[in-house]
N, C-alpha and C. Protein backbone atom coordinates (compact mmCIF):
# COMPACT_ATOMS: atom_id res chain seq x y z
N MET A 1 96.34 127.63 89.20
CA MET A 1 96.89 126.56 90.00
C MET A 1 95.99 125.32 89.89
N LEU A 2 94.71 125.53 90.05
CA LEU A 2 93.79 124.39 89.97
C LEU A 2 93.82 123.73 88.59
N ALA A 3 93.95 124.54 87.55
CA ALA A 3 94.00 123.99 86.19
C ALA A 3 95.24 123.10 86.04
N ARG A 4 96.37 123.53 86.60
CA ARG A 4 97.62 122.73 86.48
C ARG A 4 97.50 121.42 87.26
N VAL A 5 96.93 121.50 88.47
CA VAL A 5 96.73 120.29 89.28
C VAL A 5 95.80 119.33 88.55
N ASP A 6 94.73 119.86 87.98
CA ASP A 6 93.79 119.01 87.25
C ASP A 6 94.46 118.39 86.03
N GLU A 7 95.29 119.16 85.37
CA GLU A 7 96.02 118.64 84.20
C GLU A 7 96.94 117.49 84.59
N VAL A 8 97.70 117.67 85.66
CA VAL A 8 98.62 116.62 86.12
C VAL A 8 97.85 115.41 86.63
N ALA A 9 96.74 115.64 87.29
CA ALA A 9 95.95 114.54 87.85
C ALA A 9 95.38 113.63 86.77
N HIS A 10 95.29 114.12 85.56
CA HIS A 10 94.75 113.31 84.46
C HIS A 10 95.82 112.95 83.41
N ASP A 11 97.08 113.11 83.78
CA ASP A 11 98.19 112.80 82.87
C ASP A 11 98.87 111.53 83.37
N PRO A 12 98.69 110.40 82.66
CA PRO A 12 99.27 109.13 83.11
C PRO A 12 100.79 109.19 83.31
N GLU A 13 101.49 109.91 82.44
CA GLU A 13 102.95 110.01 82.57
C GLU A 13 103.32 110.79 83.84
N ALA A 14 102.63 111.87 84.11
CA ALA A 14 102.90 112.66 85.32
C ALA A 14 102.56 111.85 86.57
N LEU A 15 101.47 111.11 86.53
CA LEU A 15 101.08 110.28 87.68
C LEU A 15 102.10 109.17 87.92
N SER A 16 102.66 108.62 86.85
CA SER A 16 103.68 107.59 86.97
C SER A 16 104.94 108.15 87.64
N ARG A 17 105.36 109.35 87.20
CA ARG A 17 106.53 109.99 87.82
C ARG A 17 106.25 110.29 89.30
N LEU A 18 105.07 110.79 89.59
CA LEU A 18 104.71 111.10 90.97
C LEU A 18 104.73 109.83 91.82
N GLN A 19 104.18 108.73 91.30
CA GLN A 19 104.16 107.47 92.04
C GLN A 19 105.58 106.99 92.32
N TYR A 20 106.48 107.16 91.36
CA TYR A 20 107.87 106.78 91.55
C TYR A 20 108.46 107.52 92.76
N TRP A 21 108.29 108.84 92.81
CA TRP A 21 108.88 109.63 93.89
C TRP A 21 108.19 109.37 95.22
N VAL A 22 106.90 109.16 95.20
CA VAL A 22 106.18 108.82 96.44
C VAL A 22 106.73 107.52 97.02
N THR A 23 106.87 106.51 96.18
CA THR A 23 107.38 105.22 96.63
C THR A 23 108.83 105.34 97.09
N ARG A 24 109.62 106.10 96.34
CA ARG A 24 111.04 106.26 96.70
C ARG A 24 111.20 106.90 98.08
N TYR A 25 110.43 107.95 98.36
CA TYR A 25 110.61 108.68 99.60
C TYR A 25 109.75 108.19 100.76
N PHE A 26 108.59 107.62 100.48
CA PHE A 26 107.68 107.22 101.55
C PHE A 26 107.46 105.72 101.64
N GLY A 27 107.92 104.95 100.68
CA GLY A 27 107.69 103.51 100.71
C GLY A 27 106.24 103.18 100.45
N ASP A 28 105.80 102.11 101.03
CA ASP A 28 104.41 101.65 100.88
C ASP A 28 103.48 102.64 101.57
N THR A 29 102.56 103.23 100.82
CA THR A 29 101.62 104.21 101.40
C THR A 29 100.22 103.63 101.56
N THR A 30 100.11 102.30 101.55
CA THR A 30 98.82 101.67 101.79
C THR A 30 98.31 102.11 103.15
N PRO A 31 97.02 102.46 103.26
CA PRO A 31 96.50 102.91 104.56
C PRO A 31 96.86 101.92 105.68
N GLY A 32 97.40 102.47 106.74
CA GLY A 32 97.78 101.68 107.90
C GLY A 32 99.25 101.28 107.92
N VAL A 33 99.87 101.16 106.76
CA VAL A 33 101.27 100.73 106.69
C VAL A 33 102.20 101.80 107.25
N THR A 34 101.98 103.05 106.87
CA THR A 34 102.85 104.11 107.37
C THR A 34 102.69 104.28 108.87
N THR A 35 101.48 104.14 109.38
CA THR A 35 101.25 104.24 110.82
C THR A 35 101.96 103.10 111.54
N ALA A 36 101.89 101.90 111.00
CA ALA A 36 102.57 100.75 111.60
C ALA A 36 104.09 100.97 111.59
N ARG A 37 104.61 101.53 110.50
CA ARG A 37 106.04 101.81 110.40
C ARG A 37 106.45 102.86 111.45
N PHE A 38 105.62 103.87 111.64
CA PHE A 38 105.89 104.90 112.65
C PHE A 38 105.90 104.29 114.04
N HIS A 39 104.90 103.47 114.36
CA HIS A 39 104.84 102.83 115.68
C HIS A 39 106.04 101.90 115.90
N ALA A 40 106.45 101.19 114.88
CA ALA A 40 107.62 100.31 114.99
C ALA A 40 108.88 101.14 115.27
N ALA A 41 109.00 102.29 114.61
CA ALA A 41 110.16 103.15 114.84
C ALA A 41 110.16 103.68 116.28
N VAL A 42 109.01 104.08 116.78
CA VAL A 42 108.92 104.57 118.17
C VAL A 42 109.25 103.43 119.13
N ASP A 43 108.71 102.25 118.89
CA ASP A 43 109.02 101.10 119.75
C ASP A 43 110.52 100.81 119.76
N HIS A 44 111.16 100.88 118.59
CA HIS A 44 112.60 100.66 118.50
C HIS A 44 113.36 101.71 119.32
N LEU A 45 112.98 102.97 119.19
CA LEU A 45 113.66 104.02 119.94
C LEU A 45 113.46 103.85 121.45
N MET A 46 112.29 103.45 121.87
CA MET A 46 112.05 103.23 123.30
C MET A 46 112.87 102.05 123.81
N ALA A 47 113.00 101.00 123.02
CA ALA A 47 113.81 99.85 123.41
C ALA A 47 115.28 100.27 123.53
N GLU A 48 115.75 101.10 122.60
CA GLU A 48 117.12 101.60 122.68
C GLU A 48 117.31 102.46 123.93
N TRP A 49 116.34 103.30 124.23
CA TRP A 49 116.39 104.13 125.43
C TRP A 49 116.53 103.24 126.67
N GLU A 50 115.69 102.22 126.76
CA GLU A 50 115.74 101.32 127.92
C GLU A 50 117.06 100.57 127.98
N ARG A 51 117.58 100.14 126.83
CA ARG A 51 118.85 99.42 126.78
C ARG A 51 119.99 100.31 127.29
N PHE A 52 120.05 101.54 126.82
CA PHE A 52 121.11 102.44 127.26
C PHE A 52 120.92 102.87 128.70
N ALA A 53 119.67 103.03 129.14
CA ALA A 53 119.41 103.37 130.54
C ALA A 53 119.92 102.26 131.45
N ALA A 54 119.68 101.00 131.09
CA ALA A 54 120.16 99.87 131.89
C ALA A 54 121.68 99.79 131.85
N LEU A 55 122.25 100.03 130.68
CA LEU A 55 123.70 99.98 130.51
C LEU A 55 124.41 101.03 131.37
N HIS A 56 123.79 102.19 131.53
CA HIS A 56 124.42 103.30 132.26
C HIS A 56 123.76 103.58 133.61
N ALA A 57 123.02 102.62 134.14
CA ALA A 57 122.31 102.83 135.40
C ALA A 57 123.25 103.16 136.55
N GLY A 58 124.45 102.62 136.54
CA GLY A 58 125.38 102.85 137.63
C GLY A 58 126.30 104.04 137.42
N ASP A 59 126.17 104.71 136.29
CA ASP A 59 127.03 105.86 136.03
C ASP A 59 126.69 107.00 136.98
N PRO A 60 127.71 107.79 137.36
CA PRO A 60 127.42 108.94 138.22
C PRO A 60 126.62 109.98 137.46
N ASP A 61 125.82 110.73 138.19
CA ASP A 61 125.07 111.81 137.57
C ASP A 61 126.04 112.93 137.20
N LEU A 62 125.93 113.43 135.99
CA LEU A 62 126.77 114.52 135.54
C LEU A 62 125.90 115.68 135.10
N ASP A 63 126.42 116.85 135.27
CA ASP A 63 125.74 118.05 134.86
C ASP A 63 126.72 118.80 133.96
N ASP A 64 126.25 119.43 132.92
CA ASP A 64 127.13 120.16 132.02
C ASP A 64 127.92 121.25 132.74
N HIS A 65 127.47 121.63 133.92
CA HIS A 65 128.12 122.70 134.65
C HIS A 65 129.04 122.18 135.75
N ASP A 66 129.11 120.87 135.93
CA ASP A 66 130.02 120.30 136.93
C ASP A 66 131.46 120.58 136.54
N THR A 67 132.28 120.81 137.53
CA THR A 67 133.72 120.96 137.27
C THR A 67 134.34 119.58 137.29
N GLU A 68 135.57 119.48 136.80
CA GLU A 68 136.28 118.20 136.81
C GLU A 68 136.42 117.70 138.24
N GLY A 69 136.69 118.60 139.18
CA GLY A 69 136.82 118.21 140.59
C GLY A 69 135.54 117.61 141.15
N GLU A 70 134.41 118.20 140.81
CA GLU A 70 133.13 117.66 141.27
C GLU A 70 132.88 116.29 140.67
N ARG A 71 133.26 116.09 139.41
CA ARG A 71 133.09 114.79 138.76
C ARG A 71 133.97 113.74 139.42
N ALA A 72 135.21 114.10 139.73
CA ALA A 72 136.12 113.16 140.40
C ALA A 72 135.59 112.83 141.78
N GLU A 73 135.06 113.82 142.46
CA GLU A 73 134.51 113.59 143.81
C GLU A 73 133.32 112.64 143.75
N GLN A 74 132.44 112.82 142.76
CA GLN A 74 131.29 111.92 142.60
C GLN A 74 131.74 110.50 142.30
N ALA A 75 132.83 110.37 141.57
CA ALA A 75 133.33 109.05 141.20
C ALA A 75 134.20 108.44 142.29
N GLY A 76 134.44 109.21 143.37
CA GLY A 76 135.25 108.70 144.47
C GLY A 76 136.73 108.74 144.19
N GLU A 77 137.14 109.56 143.22
CA GLU A 77 138.55 109.67 142.86
C GLU A 77 139.15 110.89 143.55
N PRO A 78 140.44 110.85 143.84
CA PRO A 78 141.08 112.03 144.43
C PRO A 78 141.11 113.17 143.40
N GLU A 79 140.89 114.39 143.87
CA GLU A 79 140.91 115.54 142.99
C GLU A 79 142.35 115.88 142.62
N GLU A 80 142.60 116.12 141.35
CA GLU A 80 143.93 116.46 140.88
C GLU A 80 144.25 117.90 141.25
N ASP A 81 145.51 118.14 141.52
CA ASP A 81 145.97 119.50 141.79
C ASP A 81 146.25 120.15 140.46
N LEU A 82 145.38 121.08 140.04
CA LEU A 82 145.52 121.69 138.74
C LEU A 82 146.62 122.78 138.75
N ALA A 83 147.03 123.23 139.94
CA ALA A 83 148.04 124.29 140.00
C ALA A 83 149.45 123.75 139.78
N GLY A 84 149.68 122.48 140.03
CA GLY A 84 151.07 122.03 139.98
C GLY A 84 151.26 120.92 139.08
């Protein structure tokens, strides 16, 4: 295994192919750039979280186990008669 890694590490053609795939999948790998990209992605997700939280601040609380009647009651709507 070590011999193969050493062989590839000193093969300009293999290094060129490796650099192509690294750039394709990871973009700029300059130290600090990937960390900055990660922090920017987290900041974006937090901003989206806050935007959606504000957008839905007045929505009634729902639980996956609530029945339709409980949801209507929370919303102040009359409960439908499911029997008729």
